[in-house]
PDB file of N, CA and C in Angstrom:
ATOM      1  N   MET A   1     -15.699  -3.685  -7.727  1.00  0.00           N
ATOM      2  CA  MET A   1     -14.655  -2.702  -7.527  1.00  0.00           C
ATOM      3  C   MET A   1     -13.288  -3.442  -7.705  1.00  0.00           C
ATOM      4  N   THR A   2     -12.389  -2.882  -8.406  1.00  0.00           N
ATOM      5  CA  THR A   2     -10.997  -3.425  -8.528  1.00  0.00           C
ATOM      6  C   THR A   2     -10.166  -3.161  -7.271  1.00  0.00           C
ATOM      7  N   PRO A   3      -9.223  -3.830  -7.126  1.00  0.00           N
ATOM      8  CA  PRO A   3      -8.264  -3.528  -6.058  1.00  0.00           C
ATOM      9  C   PRO A   3      -7.636  -2.151  -6.158  1.00  0.00           C
ATOM     10  N   GLU A   4      -7.371  -1.698  -7.342  1.00  0.00           N
ATOM     11  CA  GLU A   4      -6.747  -0.275  -7.651  1.00  0.00           C
ATOM     12  C   GLU A   4      -7.764   0.682  -7.112  1.00  0.00           C
ATOM     13  N   PHE A   5      -9.118   0.534  -7.491  1.00  0.00           N
ATOM     14  CA  PHE A   5     -10.062   1.465  -7.051  1.00  0.00           C
ATOM     15  C   PHE A   5     -10.146   1.511  -5.570  1.00  0.00           C
ATOM     16  N   LYS A   6     -10.291   0.279  -4.897  1.00  0.00           N
ATOM     17  CA  LYS A   6     -10.249   0.277  -3.489  1.00  0.00           C
ATOM     18  C   LYS A   6      -9.133   0.938  -2.742  1.00  0.00           C
ATOM     19  N   GLU A   7      -7.926   0.690  -3.363  1.00  0.00           N
ATOM     20  CA  GLU A   7      -6.678   1.443  -2.699  1.00  0.00           C
ATOM     21  C   GLU A   7      -6.698   2.863  -2.949  1.00  0.00           C
ATOM     22  N   ALA A   8      -7.203   3.369  -4.073  1.00  0.00           N
ATOM     23  CA  ALA A   8      -7.356   4.845  -4.310  1.00  0.00           C
ATOM     24  C   ALA A   8      -8.342   5.424  -3.419  1.00  0.00           C
ATOM     25  N   LEU A   9      -9.414   4.708  -3.265  1.00  0.00           N
ATOM     26  CA  LEU A   9     -10.482   5.318  -2.389  1.00  0.00           C
ATOM     27  C   LEU A   9     -10.039   5.341  -0.907  1.00  0.00           C
ATOM     28  N   ALA A  10      -9.360   4.285  -0.526  1.00  0.00           N
ATOM     29  CA  ALA A  10      -8.776   4.256   0.854  1.00  0.00           C
ATOM     30  C   ALA A  10      -7.807   5.425   1.024  1.00  0.00           C
ATOM     31  N   ALA A  11      -6.928   5.609   0.015  1.00  0.00           N
ATOM     32  CA  ALA A  11      -5.895   6.744   0.179  1.00  0.00           C
ATOM     33  C   ALA A  11      -6.608   8.071   0.220  1.00  0.00           C
ATOM     34  N   LEU A  12      -7.746   8.255  -0.519  1.00  0.00           N
ATOM     35  CA  LEU A  12      -8.509   9.438  -0.449  1.00  0.00           C
ATOM     36  C   LEU A  12      -9.117   9.582   0.905  1.00  0.00           C
ATOM     37  N   ARG A  13      -9.616   8.615   1.520  1.00  0.00           N
ATOM     38  CA  ARG A  13     -10.130   8.775   2.847  1.00  0.00           C
ATOM     39  C   ARG A  13      -9.160   9.115   3.903  1.00  0.00           C
ATOM     40  N   VAL A  14      -7.988   8.432   3.754  1.00  0.00           N
ATOM     41  CA  VAL A  14      -6.795   8.862   4.727  1.00  0.00           C
ATOM     42  C   VAL A  14      -6.454  10.356   4.531  1.00  0.00           C
ATOM     43  N   ALA A  15      -6.370  10.734   3.296  1.00  0.00           N
ATOM     44  CA  ALA A  15      -6.049  12.211   2.908  1.00  0.00           C
ATOM     45  C   ALA A  15      -7.077  13.064   3.531  1.00  0.00           C
ATOM     46  N   GLU A  16      -8.390  12.781   3.339  1.00  0.00           N
ATOM     47  CA  GLU A  16      -9.519  13.544   3.931  1.00  0.00           C
ATOM     48  C   GLU A  16      -9.287  13.802   5.413  1.00  0.00           C
ATOM     49  N   ASN A  17      -8.954  12.649   6.083  1.00  0.00           N
ATOM     50  CA  ASN A  17      -8.785  12.639   7.510  1.00  0.00           C
ATOM     51  C   ASN A  17      -7.531  13.438   7.930  1.00  0.00           C
ATOM     52  N   HIS A  18      -6.503  13.392   7.215  1.00  0.00           N
ATOM     53  CA  HIS A  18      -5.297  14.295   7.495  1.00  0.00           C
ATOM     54  C   HIS A  18      -5.560  15.597   7.340  1.00  0.00           C
ATOM     55  N   PHE A  19      -6.410  15.961   6.319  1.00  0.00           N
ATOM     56  CA  PHE A  19      -6.807  17.383   6.109  1.00  0.00           C
ATOM     57  C   PHE A  19      -7.724  17.920   7.133  1.00  0.00           C
ATOM     58  N   ALA A  20      -8.560  17.120   7.527  1.00  0.00           N
ATOM     59  CA  ALA A  20      -9.564  17.451   8.663  1.00  0.00           C
ATOM     60  C   ALA A  20      -8.911  17.788   9.940  1.00  0.00           C
ATOM     61  N   PHE A  21      -7.844  17.134  10.216  1.00  0.00           N
ATOM     62  CA  PHE A  21      -7.237  17.207  11.530  1.00  0.00           C
ATOM     63  C   PHE A  21      -5.828  17.849  11.467  1.00  0.00           C
ATOM     64  N   ALA A  22      -5.533  18.516  10.355  1.00  0.00           N
ATOM     65  CA  ALA A  22      -4.193  19.090  10.115  1.00  0.00           C
ATOM     66  C   ALA A  22      -4.134  20.477  10.957  1.00  0.00           C
ATOM     67  N   ASP A  23      -3.037  20.664  11.553  1.00  0.00           N
ATOM     68  CA  ASP A  23      -2.764  21.874  12.245  1.00  0.00           C
ATOM     69  C   ASP A  23      -2.195  22.840  11.328  1.00  0.00           C
ATOM     70  N   ALA A  24      -2.158  24.076  11.647  1.00  0.00           N
ATOM     71  CA  ALA A  24      -1.812  25.231  10.723  1.00  0.00           C
ATOM     72  C   ALA A  24      -0.564  25.055  10.028  1.00  0.00           C
ATOM     73  N   GLU A  25       0.465  24.471  10.700  1.00  0.00           N
ATOM     74  CA  GLU A  25       1.830  24.232   9.986  1.00  0.00           C
ATOM     75  C   GLU A  25       1.866  23.071   9.084  1.00  0.00           C
ATOM     76  N   HIS A  26       0.818  22.292   9.030  1.00  0.00           N
ATOM     77  CA  HIS A  26       0.831  21.093   8.121  1.00  0.00           C
ATOM     78  C   HIS A  26      -0.350  21.113   7.064  1.00  0.00           C
ATOM     79  N   ILE A  27      -1.104  22.272   7.012  1.00  0.00           N
ATOM     80  CA  ILE A  27      -2.309  22.338   6.226  1.00  0.00           C
ATOM     81  C   ILE A  27      -1.926  22.221   4.729  1.00  0.00           C
ATOM     82  N   ASP A  28      -0.813  22.913   4.393  1.00  0.00           N
ATOM     83  CA  ASP A  28      -0.404  22.862   2.959  1.00  0.00           C
ATOM     84  C   ASP A  28      -0.008  21.518   2.492  1.00  0.00           C
ATOM     85  N   ALA A  29       0.683  20.703   3.336  1.00  0.00           N
ATOM     86  CA  ALA A  29       0.939  19.280   3.001  1.00  0.00           C
ATOM     87  C   ALA A  29      -0.242  18.480   2.964  1.00  0.00           C
ATOM     88  N   ALA A  30      -1.233  18.674   3.859  1.00  0.00           N
ATOM     89  CA  ALA A  30      -2.514  17.971   3.826  1.00  0.00           C
ATOM     90  C   ALA A  30      -3.283  18.324   2.555  1.00  0.00           C
ATOM     91  N   ILE A  31      -3.253  19.544   2.105  1.00  0.00           N
ATOM     92  CA  ILE A  31      -3.936  19.942   0.827  1.00  0.00           C
ATOM     93  C   ILE A  31      -3.356  19.199  -0.341  1.00  0.00           C
ATOM     94  N   MET A  32      -1.926  19.227  -0.355  1.00  0.00           N
ATOM     95  CA  MET A  32      -1.333  18.488  -1.459  1.00  0.00           C
ATOM     96  C   MET A  32      -1.589  17.045  -1.463  1.00  0.00           C
ATOM     97  N   GLU A  33      -1.610  16.392  -0.368  1.00  0.00           N
ATOM     98  CA  GLU A  33      -1.931  14.945  -0.178  1.00  0.00           C
ATOM     99  C   GLU A  33      -3.397  14.719  -0.710  1.00  0.00           C
ATOM    100  N   LEU A  34      -4.318  15.692  -0.300  1.00  0.00           N
ATOM    101  CA  LEU A  34      -5.755  15.463  -0.657  1.00  0.00           C
ATOM    102  C   LEU A  34      -5.884  15.675  -2.173  1.00  0.00           C
ATOM    103  N   ASN A  35      -5.230  16.616  -2.780  1.00  0.00           N
ATOM    104  CA  ASN A  35      -5.231  16.818  -4.198  1.00  0.00           C
ATOM    105  C   ASN A  35      -4.661  15.597  -5.030  1.00  0.00           C
ATOM    106  N   ALA A  36      -3.576  15.032  -4.464  1.00  0.00           N
ATOM    107  CA  ALA A  36      -2.975  13.903  -5.060  1.00  0.00           C
ATOM    108  C   ALA A  36      -3.915  12.654  -5.056  1.00  0.00           C
ATOM    109  N   ALA A  37      -4.453  12.444  -3.897  1.00  0.00           N
ATOM    110  CA  ALA A  37      -5.440  11.340  -3.675  1.00  0.00           C
ATOM    111  C   ALA A  37      -6.668  11.480  -4.714  1.00  0.00           C
ATOM    112  N   GLN A  38      -7.222  12.792  -4.809  1.00  0.00           N
ATOM    113  CA  GLN A  38      -8.274  12.841  -5.694  1.00  0.00           C
ATOM    114  C   GLN A  38      -7.854  12.673  -7.140  1.00  0.00           C
ATOM    115  N   SER A  39      -6.671  13.120  -7.497  1.00  0.00           N
ATOM    116  CA  SER A  39      -6.258  12.872  -8.875  1.00  0.00           C
ATOM    117  C   SER A  39      -5.975  11.462  -9.091  1.00  0.00           C
ATOM    118  N   ARG A  40      -5.423  10.777  -8.204  1.00  0.00           N
ATOM    119  CA  ARG A  40      -5.278   9.242  -8.290  1.00  0.00           C
ATOM    120  C   ARG A  40      -6.609   8.555  -8.517  1.00  0.00           C
ATOM    121  N   LEU A  41      -7.613   8.924  -7.734  1.00  0.00           N
ATOM    122  CA  LEU A  41      -8.942   8.299  -7.812  1.00  0.00           C
ATOM    123  C   LEU A  41      -9.518   8.504  -9.222  1.00  0.00           C
ATOM    124  N   ALA A  42      -9.404   9.830  -9.598  1.00  0.00           N
ATOM    125  CA  ALA A  42      -9.856  10.146 -10.915  1.00  0.00           C
ATOM    126  C   ALA A  42      -9.270   9.352 -12.068  1.00  0.00           C
ATOM    127  N   ALA A  43      -7.879   9.243 -12.014  1.00  0.00           N
ATOM    128  CA  ALA A  43      -7.167   8.459 -12.960  1.00  0.00           C
ATOM    129  C   ALA A  43      -7.644   7.015 -12.996  1.00  0.00           C
ATOM    130  N   VAL A  44      -7.769   6.409 -11.782  1.00  0.00           N
ATOM    131  CA  VAL A  44      -8.204   4.975 -11.680  1.00  0.00           C
ATOM    132  C   VAL A  44      -9.663   4.882 -12.301  1.00  0.00           C
ATOM    133  N   ILE A  45     -10.495   5.771 -12.008  1.00  0.00           N
ATOM    134  CA  ILE A  45     -11.835   5.762 -12.652  1.00  0.00           C
ATOM    135  C   ILE A  45     -11.755   5.769 -14.200  1.00  0.00           C
ATOM    136  N   CYS A  46     -10.993   6.709 -14.655  1.00  0.00           N
ATOM    137  CA  CYS A  46     -10.771   6.863 -16.184  1.00  0.00           C
ATOM    138  C   CYS A  46     -10.386   5.547 -16.763  1.00  0.00           C
ATOM    139  N   CYS A  47      -9.277   4.953 -16.094  1.00  0.00           N
ATOM    140  CA  CYS A  47      -8.794   3.696 -16.600  1.00  0.00           C
ATOM    141  C   CYS A  47      -9.850   2.560 -16.591  1.00  0.00           C
ATOM    142  N   GLU A  48     -10.572   2.524 -15.555  1.00  0.00           N
ATOM    143  CA  GLU A  48     -11.628   1.521 -15.408  1.00  0.00           C
ATOM    144  C   GLU A  48     -12.733   1.693 -16.451  1.00  0.00           C
ATOM    145  N   LYS A  49     -13.085   2.938 -16.721  1.00  0.00           N
ATOM    146  CA  LYS A  49     -14.117   3.142 -17.731  1.00  0.00           C
ATOM    147  C   LYS A  49     -13.528   2.755 -19.063  1.00  0.00           C
ATOM    148  N   ALA A  50     -12.320   3.045 -19.327  1.00  0.00           N
ATOM    149  CA  ALA A  50     -11.711   2.835 -20.673  1.00  0.00           C
ATOM    150  C   ALA A  50     -11.603   1.191 -20.847  1.00  0.00           C
ATOM    151  N   ASN A  51     -11.355   0.570 -19.880  1.00  0.00           N
ATOM    152  CA  ASN A  51     -11.273  -0.907 -19.865  1.00  0.00           C
ATOM    153  C   ASN A  51     -12.598  -1.640 -19.705  1.00  0.00           C
ATOM    154  N   ALA A  52     -13.663  -0.961 -19.424  1.00  0.00           N
ATOM    155  CA  ALA A  52     -14.903  -1.693 -19.176  1.00  0.00           C
ATOM    156  C   ALA A  52     -15.493  -2.260 -20.362  1.00  0.00           C
ATOM    157  N   GLY A  53     -15.074  -1.738 -21.588  1.00  0.00           N
ATOM    158  CA  GLY A  53     -15.595  -2.312 -22.881  1.00  0.00           C
ATOM    159  C   GLY A  53     -14.768  -3.524 -23.368  1.00  0.00           C
ATOM    160  N   ARG A  54     -13.741  -3.835 -22.734  1.00  0.00           N
ATOM    161  CA  ARG A  54     -12.825  -4.947 -23.116  1.00  0.00           C
ATOM    162  C   ARG A  54     -13.234  -6.287 -22.543  1.00  0.00           C
TER     163      ARG A  54
END
């Protein structure tokens, strides 16, 4: 695993935790953070797949 992948995965875990424990007034922000972390991880995976053949 590359450092970028590890960082993106860690960010996703943090976002999942924030979502799990968000109160009603912060749920929208937690959802946005979770979506961003998922997108970041997906982008890192795509880049790693593209660079795997090099």
